[in-house]
């Protein structure tokens, strides 16, 4: 193996090994200080990838690596990181598809910064940058908290509320293939809801594909108007659900006075992944498509009736 190849691979292996070790430590710190499981924080997707880029360029400092190969080596770092996350940390492949663009962006940013730092040979500046990133990682792990939010969607149904209501508490199986692209590549999609009764306190189940079941309890029940349920038990799933806690769901039927109904669906959740600006966009998009899959099914059943 040439000296160049050794430098490249030593940088990739060291960067990924260091990142894996720090992620395990921060995971323990977050769970120990906040009693939260499944939390992935800002440093996991922003600060650590930047450090990965810096570590790589430290090993490249004696060889010339031009801009073009940097993109390829950054992608190789990403591939190695995603591989051990999948095989050794139990992350689902859809989760990794979602996080990959963000991680790659900050790996490349770290490489860009590192090429400048190590080219100038300013030891004090290099130490201060690495120390600052390490401090931010530690602070982020100690202060991490889930982010609470909600998603609301509305659809118009050509049927009165009493007809729509017949399939709100529970509905028969959806027998059409979903259109949403993440559902098509394996993300569990809603299939059916069942309930043991139509009253406050009744147990309810929301059944998804792949055998995933959300255990629920009805907490508000107003016939032809409102159904609210708390999620009492989340399924153990390695995909999005491992980093997301759904808290409550609700359907409200608004009588438009002309024989039509506006069906309003809302979900409340705690997002355990940072940065929220990036991941909340994905979360809301996924929850919105769950809503629409269920609500379109209710619409079809009501309008056929």
Protein backbone atom coordinates (compact mmCIF):
# COMPACT_ATOMS: atom_id res chain seq x y z
CA UNK A 1 0.00 0.00 0.00
CA UNK A 2 1.38 3.42 -0.96
CA UNK A 3 1.96 6.19 1.57
CA UNK A 4 -0.96 8.10 0.04
CA UNK A 5 -3.36 5.19 0.44
CA UNK A 6 -2.18 4.65 4.02
CA UNK A 7 -2.82 8.31 4.88
CA UNK A 8 -6.27 8.23 3.31
CA UNK A 9 -7.40 5.04 5.04
CA UNK A 10 -5.80 5.94 8.36
CA UNK A 11 -7.76 9.20 8.31
CA UNK A 12 -11.04 7.44 7.49
CA UNK A 13 -10.59 4.69 10.10
CA UNK A 14 -9.47 7.09 12.84
CA UNK A 15 -12.25 9.58 12.12
CA UNK A 16 -14.95 6.92 12.16
CA UNK A 17 -13.54 5.15 15.21
CA UNK A 18 -13.35 8.42 17.13
CA UNK A 19 -16.90 9.35 16.08
CA UNK A 20 -18.32 5.98 17.12
CA UNK A 21 -16.68 6.24 20.54
CA UNK A 22 -17.91 9.79 21.15
CA UNK A 23 -21.45 8.91 20.04
CA UNK A 24 -21.56 6.07 22.56
CA UNK A 25 -20.30 8.38 25.33
CA UNK A 26 -22.76 11.18 24.47
CA UNK A 27 -25.61 8.66 24.22
CA UNK A 28 -24.81 7.48 27.75
CA UNK A 29 -24.53 11.09 28.97
CA UNK A 30 -27.88 12.09 27.49
CA UNK A 31 -29.67 9.06 28.92
CA UNK A 32 -28.00 9.50 32.32
CA UNK A 33 -28.81 13.20 32.64
CA UNK A 34 -32.29 13.31 31.06
CA UNK A 35 -33.68 9.75 31.34
CA UNK A 36 -34.46 9.81 27.61
CA UNK A 37 -33.96 6.92 25.24
CA UNK A 38 -33.32 7.08 21.50
CA UNK A 39 -32.02 10.64 21.54
CA UNK A 40 -29.70 11.79 18.77
CA UNK A 41 -28.38 15.29 19.27
CA UNK A 42 -26.92 18.16 17.28
CA UNK A 43 -23.36 16.97 17.77
CA UNK A 44 -24.16 13.58 16.19
CA UNK A 45 -25.04 15.15 12.84
CA UNK A 46 -23.19 18.48 12.81
CA UNK A 47 -20.22 18.71 15.19
CA UNK A 48 -18.95 15.12 14.94
CA UNK A 49 -19.06 15.05 11.12
CA UNK A 50 -17.07 18.29 11.13
CA UNK A 51 -14.50 16.68 13.43
CA UNK A 52 -14.41 13.69 11.09
CA UNK A 53 -13.47 16.02 8.27
CA UNK A 54 -10.81 17.70 10.39
CA UNK A 55 -9.31 14.35 11.44
CA UNK A 56 -9.13 13.23 7.83
CA UNK A 57 -7.31 16.37 6.72
CA UNK A 58 -4.86 16.02 9.63
CA UNK A 59 -3.73 12.68 8.16
CA UNK A 60 -3.70 14.17 4.64
CA UNK A 61 -1.52 17.15 5.59
CA UNK A 62 1.64 15.63 4.08
CA UNK A 63 0.01 14.57 0.82
CA UNK A 64 -1.72 16.65 -1.82
CA UNK A 65 -5.46 15.98 -1.96
CA UNK A 66 -7.24 18.17 -4.49
CA UNK A 67 -10.88 19.27 -4.35
CA UNK A 68 -12.26 16.50 -6.59
CA UNK A 69 -10.95 13.52 -4.57
CA UNK A 70 -12.03 15.25 -1.34
CA UNK A 71 -15.66 14.76 -2.32
CA UNK A 72 -15.00 11.08 -2.96
CA UNK A 73 -13.13 10.59 0.33
CA UNK A 74 -15.91 12.44 2.16
CA UNK A 75 -18.44 10.05 0.61
CA UNK A 76 -16.29 7.09 1.66
CA UNK A 77 -16.27 8.39 5.24
CA UNK A 78 -20.04 8.68 5.07
CA UNK A 79 -20.42 5.15 3.73
CA UNK A 80 -18.24 3.68 6.49
CA UNK A 81 -20.13 5.65 9.14
CA UNK A 82 -23.55 4.61 7.85
CA UNK A 83 -22.42 0.99 7.63
CA UNK A 84 -21.40 0.71 11.29
CA UNK A 85 -24.53 2.65 12.31
CA UNK A 86 -26.64 0.06 10.50
CA UNK A 87 -24.80 -3.11 11.51
CA UNK A 88 -23.58 -2.24 15.02
CA UNK A 89 -25.82 0.56 16.33
CA UNK A 90 -29.12 -0.84 15.09
CA UNK A 91 -30.19 2.16 13.01
CA UNK A 92 -32.79 1.51 10.31
CA UNK A 93 -31.88 2.09 6.68
CA UNK A 94 -34.62 4.68 6.16
CA UNK A 95 -33.24 6.71 9.08
CA UNK A 96 -29.82 6.56 7.48
CA UNK A 97 -31.20 7.72 4.11
CA UNK A 98 -32.66 10.75 5.89
CA UNK A 99 -29.51 11.68 7.84
CA UNK A 100 -27.00 11.00 5.05
CA UNK A 101 -27.22 14.40 3.26
CA UNK A 102 -26.79 16.30 6.55
CA UNK A 103 -23.80 14.23 7.68
CA UNK A 104 -22.10 14.47 4.29
CA UNK A 105 -22.55 18.25 4.23
CA UNK A 106 -20.74 18.69 7.55
CA UNK A 107 -18.03 16.13 6.75
CA UNK A 108 -17.22 18.21 3.69
CA UNK A 109 -17.35 21.41 5.72
CA UNK A 110 -14.87 19.88 8.20
CA UNK A 111 -12.61 18.84 5.32
CA UNK A 112 -12.73 22.37 3.89
CA UNK A 113 -11.85 23.93 7.26
CA UNK A 114 -9.17 21.33 7.92
CA UNK A 115 -7.44 21.90 4.60
CA UNK A 116 -7.09 25.59 5.50
CA UNK A 117 -6.01 24.97 9.09
CA UNK A 118 -3.40 22.31 8.42
CA UNK A 119 -2.06 24.07 5.36
CA UNK A 120 -1.22 27.16 7.43
CA UNK A 121 0.36 25.09 10.22
CA UNK A 122 -1.07 27.31 12.96
CA UNK A 123 -0.89 24.94 15.91
CA UNK A 124 -2.66 27.21 18.42
CA UNK A 125 -5.54 27.83 16.01
CA UNK A 126 -5.84 24.13 15.24
CA UNK A 127 -6.00 23.25 18.94
CA UNK A 128 -8.54 25.99 19.66
CA UNK A 129 -10.87 24.85 16.86
CA UNK A 130 -10.79 21.20 17.98
CA UNK A 131 -11.22 22.22 21.64
CA UNK A 132 -14.19 24.43 20.76
CA UNK A 133 -15.91 21.60 18.88
CA UNK A 134 -15.23 19.16 21.74
CA UNK A 135 -16.69 21.64 24.26
CA UNK A 136 -19.81 22.12 22.16
CA UNK A 137 -20.28 18.34 21.94
CA UNK A 138 -20.06 18.03 25.74
CA UNK A 139 -22.46 20.93 26.36
CA UNK A 140 -24.88 19.60 23.77
CA UNK A 141 -24.93 16.15 25.38
CA UNK A 142 -25.62 17.58 28.85
CA UNK A 143 -28.37 20.00 27.78
CA UNK A 144 -30.20 17.85 25.20
CA UNK A 145 -34.00 17.74 25.48
CA UNK A 146 -36.74 16.44 23.17
CA UNK A 147 -38.68 18.98 21.10
CA UNK A 148 -42.48 19.02 21.38
CA UNK A 149 -44.57 19.79 18.32
CA UNK A 150 -47.76 18.92 16.46
CA UNK A 151 -49.01 18.38 12.92
CA UNK A 152 -52.53 19.19 11.73
CA UNK A 153 -54.13 18.32 8.39
CA UNK A 154 -57.58 18.94 6.95
CA UNK A 155 -59.55 17.34 4.14
CA UNK A 156 -63.05 17.94 2.75
CA UNK A 157 -65.40 14.94 2.61
CA UNK A 158 -68.59 14.89 0.55
CA UNK A 159 -70.66 13.33 3.34
CA UNK A 160 -72.28 14.54 6.60
CA UNK A 161 -70.49 14.08 9.95
CA UNK A 162 -72.67 11.16 11.09
CA UNK A 163 -71.58 9.15 8.03
CA UNK A 164 -67.90 10.09 8.35
CA UNK A 165 -67.97 9.23 12.06
CA UNK A 166 -68.73 5.57 11.34
CA UNK A 167 -65.07 5.01 10.39
CA UNK A 168 -63.28 7.37 12.77
CA UNK A 169 -63.02 5.30 15.95
CA UNK A 170 -62.07 2.23 13.90
CA UNK A 171 -61.77 1.60 10.20
CA UNK A 172 -61.35 -1.49 8.00
CA UNK A 173 -58.05 -2.37 6.36
CA UNK A 174 -56.60 -0.13 3.67
CA UNK A 175 -56.17 -2.36 0.63
CA UNK A 176 -54.47 0.09 -1.75
CA UNK A 177 -50.74 0.67 -2.06
CA UNK A 178 -49.50 3.94 -0.54
CA UNK A 179 -48.21 6.70 -2.80
CA UNK A 180 -45.69 8.22 -0.38
CA UNK A 181 -42.17 7.28 -1.46
CA UNK A 182 -40.89 6.40 2.03
CA UNK A 183 -43.82 4.00 2.52
CA UNK A 184 -42.96 2.40 -0.80
CA UNK A 185 -39.34 1.70 0.19
CA UNK A 186 -40.18 0.18 3.55
CA UNK A 187 -41.27 2.77 6.11
CA UNK A 188 -44.30 1.26 7.92
CA UNK A 189 -47.59 2.70 6.66
CA UNK A 190 -51.01 2.74 8.38
CA UNK A 191 -53.20 -0.25 7.58
CA UNK A 192 -56.12 -0.40 10.04
CA UNK A 193 -57.48 0.86 13.36
CA UNK A 194 -59.45 -1.20 15.86
CA UNK A 195 -61.14 -0.32 19.17
CA UNK A 196 -62.61 -2.40 21.96
CA UNK A 197 -65.47 0.06 22.38
CA UNK A 198 -66.83 3.53 21.71
CA UNK A 199 -66.29 5.27 25.04
CA UNK A 200 -63.68 7.15 27.06
CA UNK A 201 -61.09 4.69 28.39
CA UNK A 202 -61.53 2.16 25.61
CA UNK A 203 -58.38 0.59 24.20
CA UNK A 204 -57.59 1.31 20.57
CA UNK A 205 -54.95 0.01 18.20
CA UNK A 206 -53.46 1.65 15.13
CA UNK A 207 -51.97 -1.11 13.01
CA UNK A 208 -49.18 -0.39 10.53
CA UNK A 209 -47.53 -2.56 7.91
CA UNK A 210 -44.70 -4.89 8.97
CA UNK A 211 -46.75 -5.89 12.03
CA UNK A 212 -46.19 -2.61 13.88
CA UNK A 213 -48.93 -1.69 16.37
CA UNK A 214 -49.51 1.50 18.37
CA UNK A 215 -51.41 0.87 21.59
CA UNK A 216 -53.82 3.70 22.35
CA UNK A 217 -56.52 4.77 24.81
CA UNK A 218 -59.53 6.95 23.99
CA UNK A 219 -59.52 10.06 26.22
CA UNK A 220 -62.21 12.16 24.48
CA UNK A 221 -65.26 10.77 22.76
CA UNK A 222 -67.95 13.07 21.33
CA UNK A 223 -70.03 11.21 18.69
CA UNK A 224 -70.05 12.84 15.24
CA UNK A 225 -67.65 15.53 16.46
CA UNK A 226 -64.39 14.56 18.23
CA UNK A 227 -62.16 11.57 19.00
CA UNK A 228 -58.94 12.02 20.98
CA UNK A 229 -56.62 9.21 22.00
CA UNK A 230 -53.34 8.94 23.87
CA UNK A 231 -50.59 6.64 22.62
CA UNK A 232 -49.92 4.38 25.59
CA UNK A 233 -47.24 2.17 24.02
CA UNK A 234 -44.97 2.77 21.08
CA UNK A 235 -43.75 -0.17 18.97
CA UNK A 236 -40.11 -1.17 19.14
CA UNK A 237 -38.99 -0.24 15.66
CA UNK A 238 -35.46 0.72 14.50
CA UNK A 239 -36.66 3.30 11.99
CA UNK A 240 -38.06 6.75 12.68
CA UNK A 241 -39.97 5.55 15.73
CA UNK A 242 -36.77 4.90 17.63
CA UNK A 243 -36.15 8.66 17.79
CA UNK A 244 -39.73 9.92 17.91
CA UNK A 245 -42.34 9.64 20.64
CA UNK A 246 -45.91 10.08 19.48
CA UNK A 247 -48.00 11.38 22.38
CA UNK A 248 -51.57 11.92 21.23
CA UNK A 249 -53.84 11.85 18.18
CA UNK A 250 -57.14 13.53 17.44
CA UNK A 251 -59.86 13.67 14.79
CA UNK A 252 -62.35 16.55 14.71
CA UNK A 253 -65.35 16.61 12.38
CA UNK A 254 -66.53 20.07 11.32
CA UNK A 255 -70.07 20.20 9.88
CA UNK A 256 -70.02 22.60 6.95
CA UNK A 257 -73.82 22.82 6.88
CA UNK A 258 -74.12 21.77 3.25
CA UNK A 259 -73.89 18.00 3.58
CA UNK A 260 -70.08 18.01 3.65
CA UNK A 261 -67.61 17.57 6.49
CA UNK A 262 -64.14 18.91 7.09
CA UNK A 263 -62.09 16.22 8.79
CA UNK A 264 -59.22 17.60 10.88
CA UNK A 265 -56.45 15.25 12.03
CA UNK A 266 -53.79 16.27 14.58
CA UNK A 267 -50.84 14.42 16.10
CA UNK A 268 -48.67 15.56 19.01
CA UNK A 269 -45.11 14.27 19.31
CA UNK A 270 -41.71 14.67 20.93
CA UNK A 271 -38.82 14.72 18.47
CA UNK A 272 -35.64 13.28 19.97
CA UNK A 273 -33.30 14.19 17.12
CA UNK A 274 -31.42 17.44 16.60
CA UNK A 275 -31.02 19.74 14.73
CA UNK A 276 -34.79 20.18 14.91
CA UNK A 277 -34.98 22.48 11.88
CA UNK A 278 -33.78 19.65 9.63
CA UNK A 279 -35.38 16.62 11.25
CA UNK A 280 -38.69 18.25 12.12
CA UNK A 281 -39.26 18.88 8.42
CA UNK A 282 -38.89 15.14 7.79
CA UNK A 283 -41.01 14.24 10.83
CA UNK A 284 -43.87 16.52 9.83
CA UNK A 285 -43.74 15.24 6.26
CA UNK A 286 -43.96 11.62 7.46
CA UNK A 287 -46.74 12.28 9.98
CA UNK A 288 -48.66 14.32 7.39
CA UNK A 289 -48.56 11.41 4.98
CA UNK A 290 -49.76 9.04 7.73
CA UNK A 291 -52.66 11.44 8.34
CA UNK A 292 -53.55 11.68 4.68
CA UNK A 293 -53.32 7.93 4.15
CA UNK A 294 -55.84 7.36 6.96
CA UNK A 295 -58.05 10.38 6.26
CA UNK A 296 -58.26 9.67 2.53
CA UNK A 297 -59.37 6.14 3.42
CA UNK A 298 -62.07 7.54 5.73
CA UNK A 299 -63.11 9.93 2.94
CA UNK A 300 -63.41 7.10 0.42
CA UNK A 301 -65.47 4.95 2.81
CA UNK A 302 -67.81 7.84 3.72
CA UNK A 303 -68.37 8.99 0.15
CA UNK A 304 -69.04 5.44 -1.03
CA UNK A 305 -71.57 4.99 1.76
